[in-house]
Amino acid sequence: MRFSTLLILSLSAFLTVTCGTSFALSKWYWGYAVVPPSLPDDLGRVLSVESLTRERFAPVVLRGLGELGLPEALPAVDPILQAAIEKELRASPLFDRGEPPYLESSQTLPQRMIATFTMTTGARRAYATFVAGPVANDHYAQHELLFTLDGPRPRLLHHERFYFDFAGIEGFEGPLIVLMAPFVIADFLRN
């Protein structure tokens, strides 16, 4: 076998193993391999947004409803509905309780957004996204939930949880760092 062929096969195997490892570690630590999970396609069939509550919600973590073109002036979500949605979130097995010494801070929900809307089918839905306090050092959980409002109380249809780290490198999310690792390691080994 020629040296160039062996070199190409070795490099391909190295990149495959390191990228696969990076994807697996990213999925384990942040909850996704490269891109945060998306909500069900139901959001694409929204007829009108009825109410919106936004509290300290940074645009960098606002996903899901960005394509809907939300009007600026909407009534706030009913506080009783908001409390019921938060109760559902806290009761969910996906709600991360944090680890010591972050048990108390992980229970706070300093950033939240809840919107209610009507689908083209006439069904009423609520979309909620919450960023919890830190669950570990510089490690935050974000929850995205979709509810049906067609019954006496909101019923959870879909819940996604993923994590992001915020430690001074703004906009440089963990999975991007993990994806770059094989190339940094290869460059380090080359030199």
C-alpha atoms as a PDB file:
ATOM      1  CA  MET A   1       0.000   0.000   0.000  1.00  0.00           C
ATOM      2  CA  ARG A   2       1.356   3.413  -0.898  1.00  0.00           C
ATOM      3  CA  PHE A   3       2.296   5.862   1.836  1.00  0.00           C
ATOM      4  CA  SER A   4      -0.149   8.540   0.576  1.00  0.00           C
ATOM      5  CA  THR A   5      -3.056   6.074   0.636  1.00  0.00           C
ATOM      6  CA  LEU A   6      -2.152   4.954   4.138  1.00  0.00           C
ATOM      7  CA  LEU A   7      -1.876   8.573   5.271  1.00  0.00           C
ATOM      8  CA  ILE A   8      -5.292   9.467   3.826  1.00  0.00           C
ATOM      9  CA  LEU A   9      -6.927   6.391   5.388  1.00  0.00           C
ATOM     10  CA  SER A  10      -5.307   7.117   8.764  1.00  0.00           C
ATOM     11  CA  LEU A  11      -6.378  10.759   8.674  1.00  0.00           C
ATOM     12  CA  SER A  12      -9.914   9.778   7.652  1.00  0.00           C
ATOM     13  CA  ALA A  13     -10.127   7.257  10.493  1.00  0.00           C
ATOM     14  CA  PHE A  14      -8.760   9.816  12.971  1.00  0.00           C
ATOM     15  CA  LEU A  15     -11.278  12.473  11.902  1.00  0.00           C
ATOM     16  CA  THR A  16     -14.157   9.979  11.932  1.00  0.00           C
ATOM     17  CA  VAL A  17     -13.357   8.763  15.441  1.00  0.00           C
ATOM     18  CA  THR A  18     -12.729  12.245  16.888  1.00  0.00           C
ATOM     19  CA  CYS A  19     -15.822  13.788  15.239  1.00  0.00           C
ATOM     20  CA  GLY A  20     -17.956  10.843  16.371  1.00  0.00           C
ATOM     21  CA  THR A  21     -16.599  11.211  19.890  1.00  0.00           C
ATOM     22  CA  SER A  22     -17.245  14.965  19.762  1.00  0.00           C
ATOM     23  CA  PHE A  23     -20.853  14.415  18.675  1.00  0.00           C
ATOM     24  CA  ALA A  24     -21.411  11.831  21.420  1.00  0.00           C
ATOM     25  CA  LEU A  25     -19.902  14.052  24.125  1.00  0.00           C
ATOM     26  CA  SER A  26     -21.886  17.051  22.911  1.00  0.00           C
ATOM     27  CA  LYS A  27     -25.127  15.047  22.921  1.00  0.00           C
ATOM     28  CA  TRP A  28     -24.406  13.817  26.453  1.00  0.00           C
ATOM     29  CA  TYR A  29     -23.392  17.196  27.909  1.00  0.00           C
ATOM     30  CA  TRP A  30     -25.554  19.735  26.037  1.00  0.00           C
ATOM     31  CA  GLY A  31     -28.424  17.534  24.879  1.00  0.00           C
ATOM     32  CA  TYR A  32     -27.730  17.901  21.139  1.00  0.00           C
ATOM     33  CA  ALA A  33     -24.928  17.007  18.743  1.00  0.00           C
ATOM     34  CA  VAL A  34     -24.527  20.221  16.734  1.00  0.00           C
ATOM     35  CA  VAL A  35     -27.771  22.229  16.603  1.00  0.00           C
ATOM     36  CA  PRO A  36     -30.336  22.535  19.419  1.00  0.00           C
ATOM     37  CA  PRO A  37     -33.462  20.433  18.799  1.00  0.00           C
ATOM     38  CA  SER A  38     -36.379  22.044  17.030  1.00  0.00           C
ATOM     39  CA  LEU A  39     -40.018  22.067  17.984  1.00  0.00           C
ATOM     40  CA  PRO A  40     -42.640  20.068  16.094  1.00  0.00           C
ATOM     41  CA  ASP A  41     -43.702  21.341  12.682  1.00  0.00           C
ATOM     42  CA  ASP A  42     -47.028  22.483  14.196  1.00  0.00           C
ATOM     43  CA  LEU A  43     -45.536  25.925  14.779  1.00  0.00           C
ATOM     44  CA  GLY A  44     -45.483  26.459  11.028  1.00  0.00           C
ATOM     45  CA  ARG A  45     -49.302  26.489  10.919  1.00  0.00           C
ATOM     46  CA  VAL A  46     -49.984  29.368  13.306  1.00  0.00           C
ATOM     47  CA  LEU A  47     -52.912  31.574  12.346  1.00  0.00           C
ATOM     48  CA  SER A  48     -52.610  34.271  15.017  1.00  0.00           C
ATOM     49  CA  VAL A  49     -50.711  35.006  18.206  1.00  0.00           C
ATOM     50  CA  GLU A  50     -53.105  35.918  21.041  1.00  0.00           C
ATOM     51  CA  SER A  51     -50.854  36.824  23.974  1.00  0.00           C
ATOM     52  CA  LEU A  52     -47.207  37.036  24.906  1.00  0.00           C
ATOM     53  CA  THR A  53     -45.255  37.316  28.141  1.00  0.00           C
ATOM     54  CA  ARG A  54     -41.522  37.957  27.960  1.00  0.00           C
ATOM     55  CA  GLU A  55     -39.371  38.414  31.032  1.00  0.00           C
ATOM     56  CA  ARG A  56     -35.681  39.223  30.636  1.00  0.00           C
ATOM     57  CA  PHE A  57     -35.490  37.027  27.584  1.00  0.00           C
ATOM     58  CA  ALA A  58     -32.322  37.604  25.598  1.00  0.00           C
ATOM     59  CA  PRO A  59     -32.682  37.391  21.811  1.00  0.00           C
ATOM     60  CA  VAL A  60     -29.688  35.041  21.603  1.00  0.00           C
ATOM     61  CA  VAL A  61     -31.693  32.241  23.255  1.00  0.00           C
ATOM     62  CA  LEU A  62     -35.050  33.098  21.659  1.00  0.00           C
ATOM     63  CA  ARG A  63     -35.802  30.273  19.264  1.00  0.00           C
ATOM     64  CA  GLY A  64     -38.929  28.710  17.853  1.00  0.00           C
ATOM     65  CA  LEU A  65     -41.187  31.730  17.510  1.00  0.00           C
ATOM     66  CA  GLY A  66     -38.790  33.976  15.610  1.00  0.00           C
ATOM     67  CA  GLU A  67     -40.267  33.055  12.229  1.00  0.00           C
ATOM     68  CA  LEU A  68     -43.801  34.047  13.248  1.00  0.00           C
ATOM     69  CA  GLY A  69     -43.234  37.799  13.014  1.00  0.00           C
ATOM     70  CA  LEU A  70     -44.627  38.644  16.448  1.00  0.00           C
ATOM     71  CA  PRO A  71     -46.331  42.018  16.732  1.00  0.00           C
ATOM     72  CA  GLU A  72     -44.831  44.347  19.333  1.00  0.00           C
ATOM     73  CA  ALA A  73     -48.036  45.030  21.295  1.00  0.00           C
ATOM     74  CA  LEU A  74     -49.749  41.883  22.526  1.00  0.00           C
ATOM     75  CA  PRO A  75     -51.672  41.336  25.761  1.00  0.00           C
ATOM     76  CA  ALA A  76     -49.824  39.439  28.494  1.00  0.00           C
ATOM     77  CA  VAL A  77     -50.502  35.742  29.024  1.00  0.00           C
ATOM     78  CA  ASP A  78     -53.101  35.077  31.727  1.00  0.00           C
ATOM     79  CA  PRO A  79     -51.214  34.710  35.069  1.00  0.00           C
ATOM     80  CA  ILE A  80     -53.236  31.588  35.955  1.00  0.00           C
ATOM     81  CA  LEU A  81     -52.205  29.944  32.668  1.00  0.00           C
ATOM     82  CA  GLN A  82     -48.604  31.028  33.243  1.00  0.00           C
ATOM     83  CA  ALA A  83     -48.617  29.456  36.723  1.00  0.00           C
ATOM     84  CA  ALA A  84     -50.102  26.216  35.334  1.00  0.00           C
ATOM     85  CA  ILE A  85     -47.409  26.032  32.630  1.00  0.00           C
ATOM     86  CA  GLU A  86     -44.624  26.613  35.172  1.00  0.00           C
ATOM     87  CA  LYS A  87     -46.139  23.907  37.400  1.00  0.00           C
ATOM     88  CA  GLU A  88     -46.108  21.464  34.455  1.00  0.00           C
ATOM     89  CA  LEU A  89     -42.468  22.316  33.754  1.00  0.00           C
ATOM     90  CA  ARG A  90     -41.381  21.765  37.356  1.00  0.00           C
ATOM     91  CA  ALA A  91     -43.289  18.438  37.506  1.00  0.00           C
ATOM     92  CA  SER A  92     -41.657  17.186  34.291  1.00  0.00           C
ATOM     93  CA  PRO A  93     -38.949  14.519  34.609  1.00  0.00           C
ATOM     94  CA  LEU A  94     -36.913  16.621  32.149  1.00  0.00           C
ATOM     95  CA  PHE A  95     -36.687  19.541  34.607  1.00  0.00           C
ATOM     96  CA  ASP A  96     -33.069  19.553  35.783  1.00  0.00           C
ATOM     97  CA  ARG A  97     -32.849  20.021  39.546  1.00  0.00           C
ATOM     98  CA  GLY A  98     -29.151  20.907  39.391  1.00  0.00           C
ATOM     99  CA  GLU A  99     -26.283  19.662  41.490  1.00  0.00           C
ATOM    100  CA  PRO A 100     -24.845  21.007  44.748  1.00  0.00           C
ATOM    101  CA  PRO A 101     -24.213  23.916  45.320  1.00  0.00           C
ATOM    102  CA  TYR A 102     -26.609  24.914  42.504  1.00  0.00           C
ATOM    103  CA  LEU A 103     -29.756  23.215  43.851  1.00  0.00           C
ATOM    104  CA  GLU A 104     -31.419  26.493  44.813  1.00  0.00           C
ATOM    105  CA  SER A 105     -30.395  28.591  41.796  1.00  0.00           C
ATOM    106  CA  SER A 106     -31.426  25.877  39.317  1.00  0.00           C
ATOM    107  CA  GLN A 107     -35.026  26.183  40.552  1.00  0.00           C
ATOM    108  CA  THR A 108     -35.306  29.810  39.477  1.00  0.00           C
ATOM    109  CA  LEU A 109     -36.600  30.735  36.045  1.00  0.00           C
ATOM    110  CA  PRO A 110     -35.077  34.174  35.466  1.00  0.00           C
ATOM    111  CA  GLN A 111     -35.765  34.173  31.720  1.00  0.00           C
ATOM    112  CA  ARG A 112     -39.095  33.111  30.310  1.00  0.00           C
ATOM    113  CA  MET A 113     -41.318  33.595  27.324  1.00  0.00           C
ATOM    114  CA  ILE A 114     -44.830  32.262  26.912  1.00  0.00           C
ATOM    115  CA  ALA A 115     -47.047  32.828  23.884  1.00  0.00           C
ATOM    116  CA  THR A 116     -50.543  31.598  23.162  1.00  0.00           C
ATOM    117  CA  PHE A 117     -51.774  31.246  19.613  1.00  0.00           C
ATOM    118  CA  THR A 118     -54.437  29.775  17.378  1.00  0.00           C
ATOM    119  CA  MET A 119     -53.505  27.241  14.709  1.00  0.00           C
ATOM    120  CA  THR A 120     -54.940  27.252  11.196  1.00  0.00           C
ATOM    121  CA  THR A 121     -56.989  24.214  12.311  1.00  0.00           C
ATOM    122  CA  GLY A 122     -58.640  26.296  15.069  1.00  0.00           C
ATOM    123  CA  ALA A 123     -56.745  24.503  17.870  1.00  0.00           C
ATOM    124  CA  ARG A 124     -55.288  26.691  20.612  1.00  0.00           C
ATOM    125  CA  ARG A 125     -51.667  26.184  21.668  1.00  0.00           C
ATOM    126  CA  ALA A 126     -49.165  27.680  24.093  1.00  0.00           C
ATOM    127  CA  TYR A 127     -45.442  27.774  23.498  1.00  0.00           C
ATOM    128  CA  ALA A 128     -43.188  28.368  26.491  1.00  0.00           C
ATOM    129  CA  THR A 129     -39.455  28.616  26.791  1.00  0.00           C
ATOM    130  CA  PHE A 130     -37.597  29.006  30.059  1.00  0.00           C
ATOM    131  CA  VAL A 131     -33.940  29.423  30.900  1.00  0.00           C
ATOM    132  CA  ALA A 132     -33.328  28.126  34.408  1.00  0.00           C
ATOM    133  CA  GLY A 133     -30.669  29.380  36.764  1.00  0.00           C
ATOM    134  CA  PRO A 134     -27.323  27.570  36.587  1.00  0.00           C
ATOM    135  CA  VAL A 135     -27.516  23.815  37.149  1.00  0.00           C
ATOM    136  CA  ALA A 136     -23.717  23.561  37.349  1.00  0.00           C
ATOM    137  CA  ASN A 137     -20.821  25.974  36.933  1.00  0.00           C
ATOM    138  CA  ASP A 138     -21.702  28.207  33.914  1.00  0.00           C
ATOM    139  CA  HIS A 139     -24.065  25.442  32.678  1.00  0.00           C
ATOM    140  CA  TYR A 140     -27.701  26.456  32.061  1.00  0.00           C
ATOM    141  CA  ALA A 141     -30.759  24.442  31.084  1.00  0.00           C
ATOM    142  CA  GLN A 142     -33.226  25.756  28.520  1.00  0.00           C
ATOM    143  CA  HIS A 143     -36.676  24.202  28.254  1.00  0.00           C
ATOM    144  CA  GLU A 144     -39.048  24.559  25.312  1.00  0.00           C
ATOM    145  CA  LEU A 145     -42.587  23.324  25.798  1.00  0.00           C
ATOM    146  CA  LEU A 146     -45.649  23.108  23.588  1.00  0.00           C
ATOM    147  CA  PHE A 147     -49.114  22.799  25.163  1.00  0.00           C
ATOM    148  CA  THR A 148     -52.627  22.335  23.873  1.00  0.00           C
ATOM    149  CA  LEU A 149     -55.168  24.735  25.395  1.00  0.00           C
ATOM    150  CA  ASP A 150     -58.258  22.962  24.102  1.00  0.00           C
ATOM    151  CA  GLY A 151     -59.180  21.363  27.453  1.00  0.00           C
ATOM    152  CA  PRO A 152     -59.870  22.608  30.977  1.00  0.00           C
ATOM    153  CA  ARG A 153     -56.144  22.927  31.697  1.00  0.00           C
ATOM    154  CA  PRO A 154     -53.016  23.054  29.541  1.00  0.00           C
ATOM    155  CA  ARG A 155     -51.822  19.638  28.405  1.00  0.00           C
ATOM    156  CA  LEU A 156     -48.155  19.141  27.521  1.00  0.00           C
ATOM    157  CA  LEU A 157     -47.622  18.021  23.920  1.00  0.00           C
ATOM    158  CA  HIS A 158     -43.869  18.373  23.552  1.00  0.00           C
ATOM    159  CA  HIS A 159     -40.915  19.175  25.811  1.00  0.00           C
ATOM    160  CA  GLU A 160     -37.306  19.731  24.746  1.00  0.00           C
ATOM    161  CA  ARG A 161     -34.452  20.345  27.162  1.00  0.00           C
ATOM    162  CA  PHE A 162     -30.960  21.281  26.185  1.00  0.00           C
ATOM    163  CA  TYR A 163     -28.064  23.097  27.788  1.00  0.00           C
ATOM    164  CA  PHE A 164     -25.739  25.914  26.984  1.00  0.00           C
ATOM    165  CA  ASP A 165     -22.657  27.243  28.681  1.00  0.00           C
ATOM    166  CA  PHE A 166     -22.038  30.892  29.266  1.00  0.00           C
ATOM    167  CA  ALA A 167     -18.584  31.714  30.550  1.00  0.00           C
ATOM    168  CA  GLY A 168     -17.254  34.834  28.884  1.00  0.00           C
ATOM    169  CA  ILE A 169     -16.994  33.606  25.287  1.00  0.00           C
ATOM    170  CA  GLU A 170     -20.311  35.042  24.145  1.00  0.00           C
ATOM    171  CA  GLY A 171     -21.907  33.331  21.185  1.00  0.00           C
ATOM    172  CA  PHE A 172     -19.294  30.576  21.192  1.00  0.00           C
ATOM    173  CA  GLU A 173     -21.449  27.637  22.235  1.00  0.00           C
ATOM    174  CA  GLY A 174     -20.076  24.377  23.533  1.00  0.00           C
ATOM    175  CA  PRO A 175     -20.860  22.134  20.544  1.00  0.00           C
ATOM    176  CA  LEU A 176     -18.922  24.493  18.289  1.00  0.00           C
ATOM    177  CA  ILE A 177     -15.910  24.167  20.590  1.00  0.00           C
ATOM    178  CA  VAL A 178     -16.267  20.371  20.622  1.00  0.00           C
ATOM    179  CA  LEU A 179     -16.465  20.259  16.813  1.00  0.00           C
ATOM    180  CA  MET A 180     -13.265  22.277  16.571  1.00  0.00           C
ATOM    181  CA  ALA A 181     -11.405  19.968  18.992  1.00  0.00           C
ATOM    182  CA  PRO A 182     -10.318  17.344  16.390  1.00  0.00           C
ATOM    183  CA  PHE A 183      -8.742  20.031  14.229  1.00  0.00           C
ATOM    184  CA  VAL A 184      -6.990  21.664  17.177  1.00  0.00           C
ATOM    185  CA  ILE A 185      -5.676  18.271  18.320  1.00  0.00           C
ATOM    186  CA  ALA A 186      -4.532  17.401  14.785  1.00  0.00           C
ATOM    187  CA  ASP A 187      -2.735  20.723  14.477  1.00  0.00           C
ATOM    188  CA  PHE A 188      -1.118  20.238  17.888  1.00  0.00           C
ATOM    189  CA  LEU A 189       0.067  16.714  16.942  1.00  0.00           C
ATOM    190  CA  ARG A 190       1.370  17.962  13.591  1.00  0.00           C
ATOM    191  CA  ASN A 191       3.606  20.511  15.303  1.00  0.00           C
END
